[in-house]
Every structure is written in structure tokens, then in C-alpha cells.
Amino acid sequence: MRTIIMRERRGRSQAGHGLHNVIFKGVPNMKKTAIALMVVLSIIVSAGVVHGAGTLAGTNISNKATAHYTVGANAFSADSNVNTVKVAELIGLTLTWQDAAPGVTVSQGQTNRVTTYKLTNIGNGTETFGLTKADAGVTGDNFDPTVTAVYLDANANGAYDAGTDMLYVAGTNDPTLGPDVSTTIFLLSSIPGSGLVDGDKGNVQVTAASKTGTGIAGTVFAGMGDGGADAVIGSSRGTQTATGTYVVASVVVAVNKTAAVTDQFGGTEPVPGATIRYTITVTVTGAGTAVNMTITDPMPANTTYTAGTLKLGGVTLTDGADGDAGDVGGTTAGALTVGLGNLTSASGAKVITFDVKIN
């Protein structure tokens, strides 16, 4: 303990040395050690309530002053009143489009095409956000998709799952997020059935706004924050808008991945030592050609690739980067890579399989 304290002393500023001397002046060594431990514990506990936007809203910051004096030979003290300041809620959020640029590929007449967005509460209190969508009139595009529905990510996996994720109904299931908590939002859209050419882009938007209020930074909503504290609008103005893009392509690529588990006891439980066989199926539709299609798949954490199990269309590929269509870790460290070449709708499904063992 003494070694730790001495190292800490060497790292302190001169002002810190002065404070240390005032605190410990005349205190026996054992008591110094106890006080040092209390200080460390206090720092750890305090750190547990600090979030991205600072101290939690509604937290009371209290202190009092004490006067020490003597009258004749007697020492006295007198305390001030306890002064308490309640930390206000700072309202902040970010909203970002999550799909890879240049956008989600679509073809004429498609329905339920999904764009994905991430909403994060960067304030220091729990906040509820209302959502609105926009399709027509969004600038910078060539056509107007029609947003048919907004969904919330019910299973928190970041991907739209039909039948699982929750249809958003304004005022009924507005997302409520604690400090530093995020949720994923999906816009489902229909694409016009005619008049589009390859490369045309269609933009859609989603806007999230604090239900407490919006306005310029510094706007105060008295008593409307957590714990009855004031709520203050931060630099995000209490509302954010994100734009997602659909891109027309005469070829549409679909990639589907499934997993089948076989355990060492003849069952299908994913226990340590069990094998997971992954199957990746790639299909192409439309009139165009997907040129130089390449599949990459990072090895999942907590698993080990089973050597010699990489196959394309049932044909085994060597694991090394040696001229055949695939490799494991050669092109990209920690990932398998399989080149599929140029694909059209006439190419049929391309099926890749490989095994990993659960560590």
C-alpha cells in the first residue's frame, strides 16, 4: 500500500502535494492508510454514476461549511445550512443512418425495402423520443420512395426481423432511452414500379424529437427533467434527422446465413466443444451482372475454425490463399474469403459452408 501511495504522490502536481500535507498533517501512519483507502473507494463509487453527458439528472449535490473558533480556552464550531443543488437534465440525442454507402439496392416495384437508423440518448437522464418519417420532397434524389411503416428493433440485434420487430405507433410506443442507451429504427419503403434507371437514388428521412421539448441550446423546461429537476436543451436542440438512401440497380444480391449445431453428445446444444456449421447462400436477381462478387465472413468470437471444412457448392476449398476460390485468414486475417466471380440471375444460388467449434 505504501508503494502505491508513494507512486501516486510522485504523479501529483505541487498543489496536490500541498493538499496531501494539509490532510495528513499530524495523522498517524495507520490512519493515513485508512484515509487513503477511503479516498480511493470514494473515487470508484463516484465514477459509477458518471455518464456520457455527466452526472445523472436529479442527483443532489449537497455540502455545508463549518467555522472553527476558540473562545478563551475552549474550541467551538458552527455549521452553515446545508446547500443543495439538483443536477438538471441535459437533453441530447444522435440519430444516424446505418446502411453502407451509397445505399440500399432496389429494383422497380419492390416493397418492404429497409433502411436502418441508430438513435442514441446522449443526455444525462431518461428521455422519450417521438418519431416522424418523410419520403416525398426530400432533396438530393431522383425519385420518391414511399415509406409504408416504421419499426423498432425488438430483439436489439440491429437487423430487421419481420414478425419479431415492433411496429411503431406514434404516441403509443415511443422509444424511451436511459443515458447512453441506443435503439435501432427501421423504415420500410416501396419503390416506384416504373420510370427508374440504374443509379437513380431515392431518399427517405426519419426524425426523432424529445417528448420533453425542443428548441435552441439552453432552452429550459422548468421541473420537467428526471427527479423533478429542470430540463435543458443541449446542442442537438432536442431533435435530429437522418437521411437514408435507396439506389436502383438492375441486379439485386441477397445473402442469407444459417447455422446448424451438432454437439459431442449427439444432440444440438451449443455447448463448449460443439460444432456450428454455417451455410451462406448468395442469389442474384434482375437483369444486370454483379461483377467480381466476393464474400468475406469474420470468424465468430469464442470459436475456432475447423480446418479443411470450407466448401463452395459442395466442393472443398483449401484453407490457404493458393489460387482456388477461397481461403481462411489468407486474404483477410481472422476471416474467410470466397470469390464468386461475375453473377447474374442465371447463375443460380451459390452456397458456401464451413465449420467452427465452440471454445
Protein backbone atom coordinates (compact mmCIF):
# COMPACT_ATOMS: atom_id res chain seq x y z
CA MET A 1 0.00 0.00 0.00
CA ARG A 2 2.85 2.38 0.88
CA THR A 3 4.42 1.75 -2.54
CA ILE A 4 1.16 2.59 -4.28
CA ILE A 5 0.73 5.79 -2.27
CA MET A 6 4.30 6.89 -2.97
CA ARG A 7 3.85 6.35 -6.73
CA GLU A 8 0.64 8.35 -6.58
CA ARG A 9 2.46 11.15 -4.76
CA ARG A 10 5.14 11.31 -7.44
CA GLY A 11 2.43 11.77 -10.08
CA ARG A 12 0.68 14.59 -8.26
CA SER A 13 1.04 18.27 -9.02
CA GLN A 14 2.66 20.59 -6.49
CA ALA A 15 -0.83 21.71 -5.47
CA GLY A 16 -1.73 18.10 -4.83
CA HIS A 17 1.29 17.73 -2.54
CA GLY A 18 0.10 20.73 -0.59
CA LEU A 19 -3.40 19.32 -0.17
CA HIS A 20 -1.96 15.96 0.89
CA ASN A 21 0.18 17.67 3.52
CA VAL A 22 -2.78 19.61 4.94
CA ILE A 23 -4.97 16.46 5.12
CA PHE A 24 -2.36 14.21 6.68
CA LYS A 25 -0.53 16.67 8.94
CA GLY A 26 -0.21 15.10 12.37
CA VAL A 27 -2.10 11.92 11.39
CA PRO A 28 -0.51 8.57 12.39
CA ASN A 29 0.63 6.30 9.52
CA MET A 30 -2.13 3.71 10.03
CA LYS A 31 -4.78 6.40 9.88
CA LYS A 32 -3.15 7.81 6.72
CA THR A 33 -3.50 4.42 5.09
CA ALA A 34 -7.17 4.15 6.10
CA ILE A 35 -7.93 7.64 4.79
CA ALA A 36 -6.18 6.87 1.50
CA LEU A 37 -8.32 3.75 1.08
CA MET A 38 -11.47 5.78 1.75
CA VAL A 39 -10.46 8.32 -0.89
CA VAL A 40 -9.87 5.59 -3.48
CA LEU A 41 -13.24 3.96 -2.71
CA SER A 42 -14.95 7.35 -2.92
CA ILE A 43 -13.47 7.92 -6.38
CA ILE A 44 -14.59 4.48 -7.57
CA VAL A 45 -18.15 4.93 -6.29
CA SER A 46 -18.41 8.41 -7.78
CA ALA A 47 -17.19 7.16 -11.16
CA GLY A 48 -20.07 4.69 -11.27
CA VAL A 49 -22.70 7.43 -11.72
CA VAL A 50 -20.94 9.42 -14.42
CA HIS A 51 -22.35 9.02 -17.93
CA GLY A 52 -21.57 10.40 -21.36
CA ALA A 53 -23.33 13.66 -20.56
CA GLY A 54 -22.08 13.81 -16.98
CA THR A 55 -23.74 13.31 -13.61
CA LEU A 56 -27.23 11.78 -13.72
CA ALA A 57 -30.15 14.21 -13.81
CA GLY A 58 -31.90 14.60 -10.46
CA THR A 59 -28.72 13.97 -8.45
CA ASN A 60 -28.46 16.24 -5.42
CA ILE A 61 -25.13 17.98 -4.86
CA SER A 62 -25.07 18.93 -1.18
CA ASN A 63 -22.48 20.50 1.10
CA LYS A 64 -22.09 22.75 4.11
CA ALA A 65 -19.39 24.97 5.55
CA THR A 66 -18.06 24.78 9.09
CA ALA A 67 -16.49 27.56 11.15
CA HIS A 68 -13.93 26.60 13.78
CA TYR A 69 -13.03 29.10 16.52
CA THR A 70 -11.99 29.46 20.13
CA VAL A 71 -13.36 31.47 22.99
CA GLY A 72 -10.87 31.67 25.77
CA ALA A 73 -9.52 28.18 26.27
CA ASN A 74 -12.47 26.44 24.59
CA ALA A 75 -12.76 25.35 20.95
CA PHE A 76 -16.11 25.67 19.20
CA SER A 77 -17.55 25.03 15.73
CA ALA A 78 -20.61 26.24 13.88
CA ASP A 79 -22.14 24.67 10.76
CA SER A 80 -23.78 26.53 7.93
CA ASN A 81 -27.06 25.42 6.44
CA VAL A 82 -26.82 22.51 4.01
CA ASN A 83 -26.78 23.85 0.47
CA THR A 84 -28.30 21.52 -2.15
CA VAL A 85 -28.21 21.85 -5.92
CA LYS A 86 -30.22 19.39 -8.02
CA VAL A 87 -28.47 18.45 -11.30
CA ALA A 88 -30.62 19.42 -14.28
CA GLU A 89 -31.39 17.06 -17.13
CA LEU A 90 -29.43 17.91 -20.28
CA ILE A 91 -31.41 16.69 -23.29
CA GLY A 92 -29.26 15.34 -26.12
CA LEU A 93 -29.52 12.76 -28.88
CA THR A 94 -27.86 11.50 -32.03
CA LEU A 95 -29.58 9.83 -34.98
CA THR A 96 -27.50 8.23 -37.75
CA TRP A 97 -28.16 6.21 -40.89
CA GLN A 98 -26.55 2.77 -40.58
CA ASP A 99 -26.60 1.25 -44.09
CA ALA A 100 -23.42 1.16 -46.15
CA ALA A 101 -22.99 3.87 -48.79
CA PRO A 102 -24.08 4.51 -51.46
CA GLY A 103 -27.34 2.98 -50.21
CA VAL A 104 -29.71 0.03 -50.11
CA THR A 105 -30.00 -1.52 -53.58
CA VAL A 106 -33.51 -1.82 -55.00
CA SER A 107 -35.28 -2.55 -58.25
CA GLN A 108 -38.52 -1.15 -59.66
CA GLY A 109 -41.69 -2.24 -57.90
CA GLN A 110 -40.05 -3.74 -54.81
CA THR A 111 -41.81 -3.47 -51.44
CA ASN A 112 -40.66 -3.58 -47.82
CA ARG A 113 -37.12 -2.45 -48.60
CA VAL A 114 -35.42 -1.49 -45.34
CA THR A 115 -33.21 1.40 -44.31
CA THR A 116 -31.70 1.33 -40.81
CA TYR A 117 -31.02 4.07 -38.26
CA LYS A 118 -29.47 4.28 -34.77
CA LEU A 119 -30.95 6.57 -32.12
CA THR A 120 -28.82 7.27 -29.03
CA ASN A 121 -29.70 9.24 -25.91
CA ILE A 122 -26.56 11.26 -25.12
CA GLY A 123 -28.25 13.20 -22.33
CA ASN A 124 -27.88 12.54 -18.60
CA GLY A 125 -31.48 11.49 -17.96
CA THR A 126 -34.10 9.07 -19.21
CA GLU A 127 -35.89 10.53 -22.23
CA THR A 128 -38.74 9.55 -24.54
CA PHE A 129 -38.49 10.37 -28.24
CA GLY A 130 -41.23 10.73 -30.84
CA LEU A 131 -40.53 9.65 -34.42
CA THR A 132 -41.73 11.03 -37.73
CA LYS A 133 -40.97 9.89 -41.29
CA ALA A 134 -40.61 11.69 -44.59
CA ASP A 135 -40.37 10.45 -48.17
CA ALA A 136 -41.75 12.92 -50.74
CA GLY A 137 -39.87 16.19 -51.00
CA VAL A 138 -36.58 15.01 -49.53
CA THR A 139 -33.91 16.79 -51.56
CA GLY A 140 -30.92 15.39 -53.40
CA ASP A 141 -32.52 12.35 -55.02
CA ASN A 142 -34.07 11.19 -58.30
CA PHE A 143 -37.30 9.58 -57.11
CA ASP A 144 -39.57 9.33 -54.09
CA PRO A 145 -39.84 6.01 -52.28
CA THR A 146 -42.98 5.56 -50.18
CA VAL A 147 -42.35 4.82 -46.51
CA THR A 148 -45.02 2.28 -45.57
CA ALA A 149 -44.05 1.57 -41.95
CA VAL A 150 -41.62 2.34 -39.14
CA TYR A 151 -40.39 -0.48 -36.91
CA LEU A 152 -38.43 -0.64 -33.65
CA ASP A 153 -35.73 -3.25 -33.06
CA ALA A 154 -37.50 -5.51 -30.55
CA ASN A 155 -34.69 -8.04 -30.11
CA ALA A 156 -31.86 -5.46 -30.21
CA ASN A 157 -29.88 -7.32 -32.89
CA GLY A 158 -29.57 -4.33 -35.23
CA ALA A 159 -31.24 -6.12 -38.16
CA TYR A 160 -34.87 -6.03 -39.28
CA ASP A 161 -36.73 -9.24 -38.44
CA ALA A 162 -40.23 -9.48 -39.91
CA GLY A 163 -42.69 -10.81 -37.36
CA THR A 164 -40.38 -10.02 -34.45
CA ASP A 165 -39.69 -6.30 -34.54
CA MET A 166 -42.32 -3.89 -33.27
CA LEU A 167 -44.45 -1.67 -35.49
CA TYR A 168 -44.05 1.92 -34.31
CA VAL A 169 -47.23 3.79 -33.42
CA ALA A 170 -46.65 7.44 -32.54
CA GLY A 171 -47.72 8.27 -29.00
CA THR A 172 -48.14 4.59 -28.09
CA ASN A 173 -44.69 3.00 -28.09
CA ASP A 174 -42.34 5.97 -28.46
CA PRO A 175 -38.84 4.73 -27.55
CA THR A 176 -37.75 5.61 -24.01
CA LEU A 177 -33.98 5.50 -23.53
CA GLY A 178 -31.77 5.88 -20.48
CA PRO A 179 -28.48 7.79 -20.61
CA ASP A 180 -26.03 6.37 -23.18
CA VAL A 181 -28.64 3.86 -24.41
CA SER A 182 -29.32 3.28 -28.12
CA THR A 183 -32.08 1.67 -30.17
CA THR A 184 -32.39 0.79 -33.86
CA ILE A 185 -35.14 2.08 -36.12
CA PHE A 186 -36.20 0.65 -39.48
CA LEU A 187 -38.06 2.38 -42.31
CA LEU A 188 -39.84 0.03 -44.74
CA SER A 189 -40.44 1.51 -48.18
CA SER A 190 -42.00 0.70 -51.53
CA ILE A 191 -40.17 1.59 -54.76
CA PRO A 192 -41.98 3.05 -57.79
CA GLY A 193 -42.83 0.44 -60.43
CA SER A 194 -41.68 2.38 -63.49
CA GLY A 195 -39.56 5.21 -64.81
CA LEU A 196 -36.36 4.35 -62.95
CA VAL A 197 -32.89 3.63 -64.34
CA ASP A 198 -29.76 2.17 -62.80
CA GLY A 199 -28.07 4.57 -60.42
CA ASP A 200 -31.20 6.55 -59.53
CA LYS A 201 -31.38 7.40 -55.83
CA GLY A 202 -34.37 7.82 -53.59
CA ASN A 203 -34.04 9.41 -50.15
CA VAL A 204 -36.16 8.89 -47.03
CA GLN A 205 -35.85 10.50 -43.64
CA VAL A 206 -36.65 9.81 -40.01
CA THR A 207 -36.74 12.50 -37.32
CA ALA A 208 -36.51 11.89 -33.58
CA ALA A 209 -37.59 14.60 -31.15
CA SER A 210 -37.58 14.75 -27.35
CA LYS A 211 -41.08 14.49 -25.90
CA THR A 212 -40.00 16.93 -23.18
CA GLY A 213 -39.40 19.61 -25.76
CA THR A 214 -37.11 21.05 -28.42
CA GLY A 215 -35.52 24.43 -29.04
CA ILE A 216 -32.26 26.28 -29.17
CA ALA A 217 -29.46 25.16 -26.86
CA GLY A 218 -30.05 26.44 -23.34
CA THR A 219 -33.85 26.40 -23.51
CA VAL A 220 -35.15 25.45 -20.03
CA PHE A 221 -38.24 23.38 -19.22
CA ALA A 222 -38.72 24.02 -15.52
CA GLY A 223 -39.28 20.92 -13.38
CA MET A 224 -39.67 18.60 -16.38
CA GLY A 225 -36.41 16.67 -16.01
CA ASP A 226 -35.72 13.47 -14.08
CA GLY A 227 -36.46 13.69 -10.37
CA GLY A 228 -38.26 17.00 -10.81
CA ALA A 229 -35.13 18.79 -11.95
CA ASP A 230 -35.18 21.33 -14.75
CA ALA A 231 -34.66 20.03 -18.27
CA VAL A 232 -32.25 21.95 -20.50
CA ILE A 233 -31.93 21.57 -24.27
CA GLY A 234 -28.40 20.68 -25.35
CA SER A 235 -26.55 21.33 -28.59
CA SER A 236 -28.65 18.79 -30.53
CA ARG A 237 -31.67 21.11 -29.97
CA GLY A 238 -33.68 18.12 -28.78
CA THR A 239 -34.27 16.81 -32.29
CA GLN A 240 -32.24 15.13 -35.02
CA THR A 241 -32.97 13.99 -38.59
CA ALA A 242 -31.20 11.26 -40.55
CA THR A 243 -31.47 10.56 -44.28
CA GLY A 244 -31.28 7.10 -45.80
CA THR A 245 -30.86 6.30 -49.48
CA TYR A 246 -32.14 3.64 -51.87
CA VAL A 247 -30.15 3.05 -55.07
CA VAL A 248 -31.70 1.48 -58.16
CA ALA A 249 -29.69 -1.41 -59.57
CA SER A 250 -30.75 -3.84 -62.29
CA VAL A 251 -29.13 -6.57 -60.21
CA VAL A 252 -30.10 -7.28 -56.62
CA VAL A 253 -27.96 -9.51 -54.41
CA ALA A 254 -29.40 -11.44 -51.47
CA VAL A 255 -27.13 -13.08 -48.88
CA ASN A 256 -28.60 -15.47 -46.31
CA LYS A 257 -26.66 -17.16 -43.49
CA THR A 258 -27.88 -20.04 -41.34
CA ALA A 259 -26.29 -22.09 -38.55
CA ALA A 260 -26.73 -25.74 -37.53
CA VAL A 261 -25.29 -27.02 -34.23
CA THR A 262 -24.09 -30.55 -33.52
CA ASP A 263 -22.81 -31.32 -30.04
CA GLN A 264 -20.41 -34.06 -28.99
CA PHE A 265 -23.22 -35.97 -27.26
CA GLY A 266 -25.28 -36.49 -30.39
CA GLY A 267 -27.57 -33.53 -29.71
CA THR A 268 -27.90 -29.97 -30.99
CA GLU A 269 -26.98 -27.89 -27.94
CA PRO A 270 -24.37 -25.10 -28.41
CA VAL A 271 -22.14 -26.24 -25.55
CA PRO A 272 -18.33 -25.82 -25.48
CA GLY A 273 -16.88 -28.37 -27.87
CA ALA A 274 -19.95 -28.40 -30.13
CA THR A 275 -19.66 -27.73 -33.88
CA ILE A 276 -21.51 -24.99 -35.72
CA ARG A 277 -21.92 -25.47 -39.45
CA TYR A 278 -22.58 -22.18 -41.20
CA THR A 279 -24.27 -22.06 -44.61
CA ILE A 280 -24.12 -18.87 -46.70
CA THR A 281 -26.42 -18.73 -49.72
CA VAL A 282 -25.97 -16.00 -52.34
CA THR A 283 -28.57 -15.32 -55.03
CA VAL A 284 -28.79 -12.67 -57.73
CA THR A 285 -31.95 -11.37 -59.36
CA GLY A 286 -32.59 -8.75 -62.01
CA ALA A 287 -31.26 -8.15 -65.48
CA GLY A 288 -27.75 -6.96 -64.65
CA THR A 289 -24.45 -8.52 -63.60
CA ALA A 290 -22.83 -8.40 -60.16
CA VAL A 291 -19.17 -8.12 -61.11
CA ASN A 292 -16.38 -9.76 -59.06
CA MET A 293 -18.61 -10.89 -56.21
CA THR A 294 -16.58 -11.66 -53.07
CA ILE A 295 -17.87 -12.97 -49.76
CA THR A 296 -15.99 -12.25 -46.53
CA ASP A 297 -17.02 -13.64 -43.15
CA PRO A 298 -15.07 -12.94 -39.92
CA MET A 299 -14.74 -15.93 -37.62
CA PRO A 300 -17.16 -15.54 -34.69
CA ALA A 301 -15.69 -14.75 -31.30
CA ASN A 302 -15.31 -17.71 -28.92
CA THR A 303 -14.99 -20.21 -31.78
CA THR A 304 -12.17 -21.90 -33.69
CA TYR A 305 -12.35 -22.68 -37.40
CA THR A 306 -12.27 -26.40 -38.23
CA ALA A 307 -9.52 -26.83 -40.78
CA GLY A 308 -10.49 -28.24 -44.17
CA THR A 309 -14.23 -27.58 -43.89
CA LEU A 310 -14.56 -24.64 -46.29
CA LYS A 311 -16.68 -25.63 -49.29
CA LEU A 312 -18.27 -23.88 -52.28
CA GLY A 313 -21.15 -25.72 -53.92
CA GLY A 314 -20.17 -28.86 -52.03
CA VAL A 315 -16.59 -28.79 -53.35
CA THR A 316 -13.84 -28.46 -50.74
CA LEU A 317 -11.59 -25.40 -50.99
CA THR A 318 -8.13 -25.30 -49.49
CA ASP A 319 -7.69 -23.05 -46.49
CA GLY A 320 -4.61 -21.30 -47.88
CA ALA A 321 -4.53 -18.41 -50.34
CA ASP A 322 -3.29 -20.65 -53.14
CA GLY A 323 -5.28 -19.88 -56.26
CA ASP A 324 -8.65 -21.54 -55.70
CA ALA A 325 -11.80 -19.55 -54.94
CA GLY A 326 -11.40 -19.33 -51.17
CA ASP A 327 -9.10 -19.07 -48.18
CA VAL A 328 -9.25 -18.73 -44.42
CA GLY A 329 -7.15 -15.93 -42.95
CA GLY A 330 -5.02 -15.51 -46.06
CA THR A 331 -6.75 -12.58 -47.75
CA THR A 332 -8.14 -11.11 -44.52
CA ALA A 333 -6.80 -12.03 -41.11
CA GLY A 334 -9.37 -13.81 -38.97
CA ALA A 335 -11.90 -14.16 -41.81
CA LEU A 336 -12.73 -16.47 -44.65
CA THR A 337 -12.88 -15.10 -48.19
CA VAL A 338 -14.61 -16.71 -51.17
CA GLY A 339 -14.60 -15.24 -54.68
CA LEU A 340 -17.73 -15.98 -56.71
CA GLY A 341 -16.82 -14.11 -59.88
CA ASN A 342 -19.45 -12.43 -62.06
CA LEU A 343 -23.01 -13.43 -61.16
CA THR A 344 -26.35 -12.96 -62.91
CA SER A 345 -29.83 -14.27 -62.24
CA ALA A 346 -28.90 -17.26 -64.45
CA SER A 347 -26.00 -18.19 -62.16
CA GLY A 348 -28.28 -19.81 -59.60
CA ALA A 349 -27.65 -19.92 -55.86
CA LYS A 350 -24.03 -20.06 -54.67
CA VAL A 351 -23.69 -22.00 -51.41
CA ILE A 352 -20.71 -21.72 -49.04
CA THR A 353 -20.33 -23.91 -45.94
CA PHE A 354 -17.75 -24.13 -43.17
CA ASP A 355 -17.49 -25.40 -39.60
CA VAL A 356 -16.31 -23.84 -36.36
CA LYS A 357 -16.01 -25.34 -32.88
CA ILE A 358 -17.25 -23.51 -29.79
CA ASN A 359 -14.30 -22.84 -27.49
